[in-house]
Amino acid sequence: MFKQRLLSGIVLVILAVVILYFGGTVTLIATAAISLMGMYELLKVVNQEKSALAVTAYSGAILYYLILWLNLEQYILPLVLLVLIMLFAVYVFTFPRFKIDQVTLAYFSLFYVTVMLSCIYRIRIMDNGGYMIALVFLSAWGNDTLAYCAGRLLGRHKMSPVLSPKKTIEGAVGGVLGAGLLGALYGLAGQHLIAADYNLPLIFALVCAAGGLISIIGDLGASAIKRNYDIKDYSNLIPGHGGILDRFDSIIFTAPIIYYLLVLVAGMK
């Protein structure tokens, strides 16, 4: 199991590096594909992954990425309103085939998976985006790894005993501080590569620490949904890891936080 998980992890890292290296349309298409797979997994939880609700949500996701690609962001709000109207049209004209919780989950999937994950593409097309995108993975996966280590060594107080009995407050603190340290080290290493008029190690440390903190919510949130529906993994797409949502649960929350912090704190766009 460990060997399978390790090999899958190595393949994922290589694919991520290749996709993010090329940037632009390659990153957009890859992020869109991952978003659609994640939406499929989420809708499968309520057995609606192939329904009219799902098709409507998938169509909204594709149109959303098309809008991003064409740089027509003024049409995002009209799009999300249109998707809501179309979902309700499916709901009322096929009544009582669907339940309202299935409608809301379909709409939720558009935001939870597609809109939030799209921030990976948004970061990549920023100034110095090829360097900035690493902050997402440093904060999310760095926090996850270092929280595990800190929890094993120092963990005493349960953070969420019902939802995730093995996670501790000490582990969470260690993960957040570790993510901040990784950000600072990355900033130090990148000072000669990234032209910036701000303290790179400090900003990267703050951004990664904040991203690491939010990633905990993403991780626990994905687990809570699985607990609600009594499933172990969202799918078996990635051997040893589960599905897209199992592997990208923390990334989903970290990417938008990193993006907006870079926009607000560092003045990037």
Protein backbone atom coordinates (compact mmCIF):
# COMPACT_ATOMS: atom_id res chain seq x y z
CA MET A 1 0.00 0.00 0.00
CA PHE A 2 2.79 2.43 0.92
CA LYS A 3 4.73 1.62 -2.26
CA GLN A 4 1.61 2.15 -4.37
CA ARG A 5 0.87 5.44 -2.61
CA LEU A 6 4.48 6.60 -3.05
CA LEU A 7 4.59 5.75 -6.77
CA SER A 8 1.24 7.47 -7.37
CA GLY A 9 2.49 10.51 -5.47
CA ILE A 10 5.64 10.70 -7.61
CA VAL A 11 3.58 10.48 -10.81
CA LEU A 12 1.26 13.24 -9.53
CA VAL A 13 4.19 15.52 -8.75
CA ILE A 14 5.72 14.96 -12.21
CA LEU A 15 2.39 15.66 -13.92
CA ALA A 16 1.87 18.80 -11.82
CA VAL A 17 5.34 20.10 -12.68
CA VAL A 18 4.83 19.50 -16.41
CA ILE A 19 1.34 21.04 -16.48
CA LEU A 20 2.35 24.09 -14.46
CA TYR A 21 5.62 24.54 -16.38
CA PHE A 22 3.80 25.14 -19.66
CA GLY A 23 1.16 27.36 -18.05
CA GLY A 24 -1.42 29.16 -20.18
CA THR A 25 -3.87 26.99 -22.07
CA VAL A 26 -2.21 23.76 -20.89
CA THR A 27 -2.74 24.67 -17.23
CA LEU A 28 -6.28 25.86 -17.93
CA ILE A 29 -7.29 22.64 -19.72
CA ALA A 30 -5.70 20.47 -17.03
CA THR A 31 -7.34 22.43 -14.21
CA ALA A 32 -10.70 22.26 -16.00
CA ALA A 33 -10.35 18.48 -16.43
CA ILE A 34 -9.48 18.03 -12.75
CA SER A 35 -12.45 20.24 -11.79
CA LEU A 36 -14.86 18.16 -13.87
CA MET A 37 -13.55 14.93 -12.38
CA GLY A 38 -13.91 16.39 -8.90
CA MET A 39 -17.48 17.48 -9.63
CA TYR A 40 -18.25 13.99 -10.92
CA GLU A 41 -16.93 12.45 -7.69
CA LEU A 42 -18.94 14.83 -5.52
CA LEU A 43 -22.17 14.29 -7.43
CA LYS A 44 -21.61 10.53 -7.34
CA VAL A 45 -22.00 10.78 -3.57
CA VAL A 46 -25.73 11.39 -4.13
CA ASN A 47 -25.93 9.17 -7.24
CA GLN A 48 -26.42 12.13 -9.58
CA GLU A 49 -23.14 12.08 -11.50
CA LYS A 50 -24.91 11.30 -14.81
CA SER A 51 -28.19 13.11 -14.26
CA ALA A 52 -29.61 16.23 -15.90
CA LEU A 53 -28.50 18.15 -12.82
CA ALA A 54 -24.95 16.95 -13.34
CA VAL A 55 -24.95 17.83 -17.04
CA THR A 56 -26.13 21.34 -16.18
CA ALA A 57 -23.40 21.75 -13.56
CA TYR A 58 -20.70 20.34 -15.88
CA SER A 59 -21.82 22.70 -18.65
CA GLY A 60 -21.56 25.62 -16.24
CA ALA A 61 -18.02 24.56 -15.31
CA ILE A 62 -16.94 24.36 -18.97
CA LEU A 63 -18.43 27.78 -19.72
CA TYR A 64 -16.72 29.17 -16.62
CA TYR A 65 -13.29 28.07 -17.85
CA LEU A 66 -14.08 29.37 -21.33
CA ILE A 67 -14.82 32.76 -19.79
CA LEU A 68 -11.49 32.68 -17.94
CA TRP A 69 -9.64 31.69 -21.11
CA LEU A 70 -11.23 34.55 -23.07
CA ASN A 71 -10.59 36.96 -20.17
CA LEU A 72 -14.28 37.90 -19.95
CA GLU A 73 -14.63 37.87 -16.17
CA GLN A 74 -17.52 40.35 -16.25
CA TYR A 75 -19.67 37.43 -17.40
CA ILE A 76 -18.91 35.16 -14.41
CA LEU A 77 -21.76 36.47 -12.23
CA PRO A 78 -24.33 36.19 -15.04
CA LEU A 79 -23.08 32.65 -15.66
CA VAL A 80 -23.47 31.48 -12.05
CA LEU A 81 -26.95 33.01 -11.94
CA LEU A 82 -27.84 31.27 -15.20
CA VAL A 83 -26.61 27.93 -13.86
CA LEU A 84 -28.80 28.35 -10.77
CA ILE A 85 -31.83 29.14 -12.92
CA MET A 86 -31.16 26.15 -15.17
CA LEU A 87 -30.75 23.80 -12.21
CA PHE A 88 -34.08 24.96 -10.83
CA ALA A 89 -35.63 24.55 -14.28
CA VAL A 90 -34.50 20.92 -14.27
CA TYR A 91 -35.81 20.59 -10.70
CA VAL A 92 -39.31 21.94 -11.34
CA PHE A 93 -39.93 20.53 -14.81
CA THR A 94 -38.96 17.00 -13.77
CA PHE A 95 -40.57 17.18 -10.31
CA PRO A 96 -40.54 15.04 -8.19
CA ARG A 97 -37.55 13.23 -9.72
CA PHE A 98 -34.93 15.28 -7.82
CA LYS A 99 -34.70 16.40 -4.20
CA ILE A 100 -33.64 19.91 -3.25
CA ASP A 101 -30.46 18.63 -1.55
CA GLN A 102 -29.40 17.12 -4.89
CA VAL A 103 -30.00 20.46 -6.63
CA THR A 104 -28.03 22.37 -4.01
CA LEU A 105 -25.14 19.88 -4.14
CA ALA A 106 -24.97 20.24 -7.93
CA TYR A 107 -24.75 24.03 -7.55
CA PHE A 108 -22.32 23.70 -4.65
CA SER A 109 -20.04 21.51 -6.78
CA LEU A 110 -19.59 24.35 -9.25
CA PHE A 111 -18.22 26.64 -6.56
CA TYR A 112 -16.54 24.15 -4.25
CA VAL A 113 -14.60 22.39 -6.98
CA THR A 114 -14.51 24.47 -10.16
CA VAL A 115 -14.38 28.08 -9.00
CA MET A 116 -11.99 27.40 -6.12
CA LEU A 117 -9.64 25.14 -8.11
CA SER A 118 -9.57 27.63 -10.99
CA CYS A 119 -7.38 29.82 -8.77
CA ILE A 120 -4.50 27.49 -9.70
CA TYR A 121 -4.79 28.82 -13.24
CA ARG A 122 -5.30 32.37 -11.95
CA ILE A 123 -2.06 32.21 -9.99
CA ARG A 124 -0.16 30.65 -12.88
CA ILE A 125 -0.99 33.54 -15.24
CA MET A 126 0.10 36.17 -12.69
CA ASP A 127 3.39 37.99 -12.99
CA ASN A 128 6.02 35.41 -11.93
CA GLY A 129 3.16 32.91 -11.77
CA GLY A 130 5.49 30.00 -12.47
CA TYR A 131 7.17 30.69 -9.13
CA MET A 132 4.07 31.79 -7.21
CA ILE A 133 2.12 28.61 -7.94
CA ALA A 134 4.56 26.62 -5.80
CA LEU A 135 3.18 28.44 -2.73
CA VAL A 136 -0.11 26.55 -3.08
CA PHE A 137 1.57 23.16 -2.81
CA LEU A 138 4.09 24.25 -0.18
CA SER A 139 1.30 25.45 2.09
CA ALA A 140 -1.17 22.60 1.46
CA TRP A 141 1.02 19.52 1.16
CA GLY A 142 3.76 21.01 3.34
CA ASN A 143 1.27 21.67 6.11
CA ASP A 144 -0.19 18.18 5.77
CA THR A 145 3.23 16.47 6.04
CA LEU A 146 4.61 18.64 8.84
CA ALA A 147 1.34 18.50 10.79
CA TYR A 148 1.56 14.71 10.69
CA CYS A 149 5.15 14.80 11.99
CA ALA A 150 4.38 17.36 14.70
CA GLY A 151 1.28 15.44 15.73
CA ARG A 152 3.18 12.17 16.06
CA LEU A 153 5.89 13.81 18.17
CA LEU A 154 3.95 16.34 20.24
CA GLY A 155 0.26 15.65 19.76
CA ARG A 156 -1.76 15.56 22.99
CA HIS A 157 -5.00 17.47 22.44
CA LYS A 158 -7.54 16.30 19.85
CA MET A 159 -8.58 18.96 17.37
CA SER A 160 -11.71 17.29 16.02
CA PRO A 161 -12.14 14.02 17.94
CA VAL A 162 -15.33 12.89 16.21
CA LEU A 163 -14.46 13.83 12.64
CA SER A 164 -10.72 13.09 12.65
CA PRO A 165 -9.52 11.46 15.90
CA LYS A 166 -5.85 11.38 14.87
CA LYS A 167 -5.51 15.12 14.22
CA THR A 168 -4.25 17.20 17.13
CA ILE A 169 -4.00 20.89 17.94
CA GLU A 170 -0.23 20.53 18.34
CA GLY A 171 -0.04 18.92 14.90
CA ALA A 172 -2.09 21.73 13.36
CA VAL A 173 0.13 24.40 14.92
CA GLY A 174 3.25 22.55 13.78
CA GLY A 175 1.85 22.25 10.25
CA VAL A 176 0.98 25.94 9.99
CA LEU A 177 4.35 27.05 11.38
CA GLY A 178 6.10 24.53 9.14
CA ALA A 179 4.26 25.81 6.08
CA GLY A 180 5.29 29.35 7.01
CA LEU A 181 8.91 28.24 7.37
CA LEU A 182 8.80 26.52 3.97
CA GLY A 183 7.44 29.74 2.48
CA ALA A 184 10.22 31.78 4.05
CA LEU A 185 12.90 29.39 2.77
CA TYR A 186 11.33 29.44 -0.68
CA GLY A 187 11.35 33.25 -0.58
CA LEU A 188 15.02 33.28 0.37
CA ALA A 189 15.88 30.87 -2.44
CA GLY A 190 13.85 32.85 -4.97
CA GLN A 191 15.07 36.36 -4.20
CA HIS A 192 17.48 36.34 -7.13
CA LEU A 193 14.82 34.98 -9.49
CA ILE A 194 11.74 37.03 -8.60
CA ALA A 195 11.83 40.80 -9.01
CA ALA A 196 9.73 42.24 -6.17
CA ASP A 197 9.55 45.51 -4.22
CA TYR A 198 8.55 43.77 -1.00
CA ASN A 199 10.20 41.43 1.51
CA LEU A 200 9.88 38.14 -0.36
CA PRO A 201 10.69 35.73 2.52
CA LEU A 202 8.30 37.54 4.89
CA ILE A 203 5.40 37.71 2.42
CA PHE A 204 5.86 34.10 1.33
CA ALA A 205 6.00 32.98 4.97
CA LEU A 206 2.76 34.79 5.82
CA VAL A 207 1.01 33.58 2.67
CA CYS A 208 2.03 29.95 3.20
CA ALA A 209 1.12 30.02 6.90
CA ALA A 210 -2.33 31.41 6.08
CA GLY A 211 -2.73 28.87 3.28
CA GLY A 212 -1.68 26.06 5.62
CA LEU A 213 -4.23 27.16 8.21
CA ILE A 214 -7.07 27.23 5.67
CA SER A 215 -5.98 23.89 4.19
CA ILE A 216 -6.94 22.25 7.49
CA ILE A 217 -10.54 23.33 6.88
CA GLY A 218 -10.39 21.94 3.34
CA ASP A 219 -9.05 18.61 4.57
CA LEU A 220 -11.61 18.26 7.37
CA GLY A 221 -14.44 19.53 5.16
CA ALA A 222 -13.87 16.83 2.55
CA SER A 223 -13.73 14.25 5.35
CA ALA A 224 -16.99 15.55 6.83
CA ILE A 225 -18.81 15.10 3.53
CA LYS A 226 -17.55 11.51 3.33
CA ARG A 227 -18.70 10.88 6.89
CA ASN A 228 -22.14 12.31 6.10
CA TYR A 229 -22.55 9.81 3.26
CA ASP A 230 -20.60 6.95 4.86
CA ILE A 231 -17.93 6.52 2.17
CA LYS A 232 -14.20 5.88 2.59
CA ASP A 233 -12.88 7.55 -0.59
CA TYR A 234 -14.50 9.63 -3.31
CA SER A 235 -13.15 7.23 -5.94
CA ASN A 236 -10.20 4.92 -6.66
CA LEU A 237 -8.86 7.04 -9.53
CA ILE A 238 -5.46 7.57 -7.91
CA PRO A 239 -4.04 4.31 -6.50
CA GLY A 240 -3.26 4.64 -2.82
CA HIS A 241 -4.77 8.11 -2.59
CA GLY A 242 -8.42 7.74 -3.55
CA GLY A 243 -10.02 10.26 -5.84
CA ILE A 244 -9.43 13.82 -6.99
CA LEU A 245 -11.24 15.22 -3.96
CA ASP A 246 -9.25 12.96 -1.62
CA ARG A 247 -5.94 14.26 -2.98
CA PHE A 248 -6.92 17.87 -3.71
CA ASP A 249 -9.15 18.53 -0.69
CA SER A 250 -6.69 20.95 0.92
CA ILE A 251 -5.60 22.43 -2.44
CA ILE A 252 -9.22 23.40 -3.17
CA PHE A 253 -9.23 25.74 -0.17
CA THR A 254 -5.59 26.81 -0.34
CA ALA A 255 -5.51 27.96 -3.98
CA PRO A 256 -8.05 30.83 -3.63
CA ILE A 257 -6.52 31.99 -0.33
CA ILE A 258 -3.04 32.12 -1.87
CA TYR A 259 -4.39 33.88 -4.96
CA TYR A 260 -6.21 36.64 -3.11
CA LEU A 261 -3.44 37.13 -0.57
CA LEU A 262 -0.95 37.63 -3.40
CA VAL A 263 -3.36 40.12 -5.01
CA LEU A 264 -4.02 42.03 -1.78
CA VAL A 265 -0.70 41.79 0.05
CA ALA A 266 1.78 41.77 -2.79
CA GLY A 267 -0.27 43.81 -5.26
CA MET A 268 0.04 41.21 -8.00
CA LYS A 269 -2.35 40.61 -10.88
